[in-house]
């Protein structure tokens, strides 16, 4: 049952590795262009702080989008796949809580 659930699972739409591999060279080119224009040391520090802030904002934006995607995907999966997963979890819990009669007669419990 769990294999069937995994087969129906939606593939991720955004692979972080591809995004990073495409974004970093562009970011390096933009920064090198701006750093070539700067001649005053104070401007270099300001540009560095802004670039660092931009990178942090981009990371937060990507993580926020990923979190929203996961929440929406989980809401969509509550359909048939979610019901099957919930059923499988409940059945496993029942097996753990209520051992079968043969195990009780032998004096052992499920899982030991």
Protein backbone atom coordinates (compact mmCIF):
# COMPACT_ATOMS: atom_id res chain seq x y z
CA UNK A 1 0.00 0.00 0.00
CA UNK A 2 2.85 2.40 0.80
CA UNK A 3 4.45 1.71 -2.59
CA UNK A 4 1.22 2.70 -4.31
CA UNK A 5 1.15 5.94 -2.31
CA UNK A 6 4.75 6.73 -3.29
CA UNK A 7 3.95 6.12 -6.98
CA UNK A 8 1.10 8.65 -6.85
CA UNK A 9 3.20 11.28 -5.10
CA UNK A 10 3.69 14.47 -7.11
CA UNK A 11 7.26 15.08 -8.29
CA UNK A 12 8.91 18.30 -7.11
CA UNK A 13 8.51 21.16 -9.57
CA UNK A 14 11.63 23.08 -8.58
CA UNK A 15 14.87 21.26 -8.05
CA UNK A 16 17.08 23.46 -5.86
CA UNK A 17 20.32 22.23 -7.43
CA UNK A 18 19.29 23.40 -10.90
CA UNK A 19 18.22 26.77 -9.53
CA UNK A 20 21.51 27.26 -7.73
CA UNK A 21 23.61 26.13 -10.69
CA UNK A 22 21.86 28.66 -12.94
CA UNK A 23 21.65 31.51 -10.42
CA UNK A 24 25.23 31.64 -9.08
CA UNK A 25 27.02 32.38 -12.39
CA UNK A 26 24.55 35.15 -13.14
CA UNK A 27 24.99 36.62 -9.67
CA UNK A 28 28.79 36.53 -9.99
CA UNK A 29 28.65 38.36 -13.31
CA UNK A 30 26.35 41.06 -11.93
CA UNK A 31 28.53 41.58 -8.86
CA UNK A 32 31.75 41.71 -10.87
CA UNK A 33 30.19 44.34 -13.15
CA UNK A 34 29.19 46.52 -10.20
CA UNK A 35 32.48 46.04 -8.34
CA UNK A 36 34.43 47.17 -11.42
CA UNK A 37 32.48 50.45 -11.39
CA UNK A 38 33.19 51.18 -7.71
CA UNK A 39 36.37 53.08 -6.87
CA UNK A 40 35.80 54.26 -3.30
CA UNK A 41 36.29 51.82 -0.40
CA UNK A 42 33.13 52.97 1.40
CA UNK A 43 31.09 52.19 -1.72
CA UNK A 44 32.59 48.69 -1.84
CA UNK A 45 31.44 48.02 1.72
CA UNK A 46 27.95 49.33 0.98
CA UNK A 47 27.74 47.24 -2.19
CA UNK A 48 28.94 44.17 -0.28
CA UNK A 49 26.28 44.66 2.41
CA UNK A 50 23.55 45.11 -0.21
CA UNK A 51 24.73 42.04 -2.16
CA UNK A 52 24.77 39.95 1.00
CA UNK A 53 21.28 41.17 1.90
CA UNK A 54 20.10 40.35 -1.63
CA UNK A 55 21.43 36.82 -1.36
CA UNK A 56 19.72 36.32 2.01
CA UNK A 57 16.45 37.69 0.65
CA UNK A 58 16.67 35.36 -2.36
CA UNK A 59 17.27 32.37 -0.07
CA UNK A 60 14.29 33.34 2.11
CA UNK A 61 12.10 33.80 -0.98
CA UNK A 62 13.03 30.39 -2.37
CA UNK A 63 12.45 28.71 1.00
CA UNK A 64 9.12 30.51 1.37
CA UNK A 65 8.00 29.39 -2.09
CA UNK A 66 9.10 25.83 -1.31
CA UNK A 67 7.18 25.85 1.98
CA UNK A 68 4.04 27.17 0.25
CA UNK A 69 4.39 24.53 -2.48
CA UNK A 70 4.70 21.75 0.11
CA UNK A 71 1.65 23.02 2.00
CA UNK A 72 -0.45 23.19 -1.18
CA UNK A 73 0.80 19.77 -2.33
CA UNK A 74 -0.11 18.26 1.05
CA UNK A 75 -3.57 19.83 0.82
CA UNK A 76 -4.04 18.33 -2.64
CA UNK A 77 -2.76 14.92 -1.55
CA UNK A 78 -5.38 14.69 1.18
CA UNK A 79 -7.54 13.03 -1.46
CA UNK A 80 -7.24 9.31 -2.16
CA UNK A 81 -3.50 9.05 -1.48
CA UNK A 82 -3.82 10.80 1.86
CA UNK A 83 -6.65 8.53 2.88
CA UNK A 84 -4.62 5.45 1.95
CA UNK A 85 -1.61 6.70 3.90
CA UNK A 86 -3.82 7.47 6.90
CA UNK A 87 -5.37 4.01 6.69
CA UNK A 88 -1.94 2.35 6.52
CA UNK A 89 -0.74 4.29 9.57
CA UNK A 90 -3.84 3.37 11.55
CA UNK A 91 -3.52 -0.31 10.66
CA UNK A 92 0.11 -0.33 11.77
CA UNK A 93 -0.87 1.36 15.04
CA UNK A 94 -3.55 -1.28 15.61
CA UNK A 95 -1.05 -4.09 15.05
CA UNK A 96 1.31 -2.56 17.58
CA UNK A 97 -1.38 -1.86 20.20
CA UNK A 98 -3.34 -5.11 19.89
CA UNK A 99 -1.08 -8.14 19.47
CA UNK A 100 -2.61 -11.22 17.89
CA UNK A 101 -3.94 -14.13 19.96
CA UNK A 102 -1.14 -16.55 19.02
CA UNK A 103 1.47 -14.14 20.35
CA UNK A 104 -0.49 -13.75 23.59
CA UNK A 105 -0.73 -17.54 24.04
CA UNK A 106 3.04 -17.91 23.47
CA UNK A 107 3.73 -15.09 25.89
CA UNK A 108 5.31 -12.79 23.35
CA UNK A 109 4.09 -9.55 21.88
CA UNK A 110 4.19 -8.17 18.36
CA UNK A 111 7.59 -6.84 17.38
CA UNK A 112 9.61 -8.68 20.06
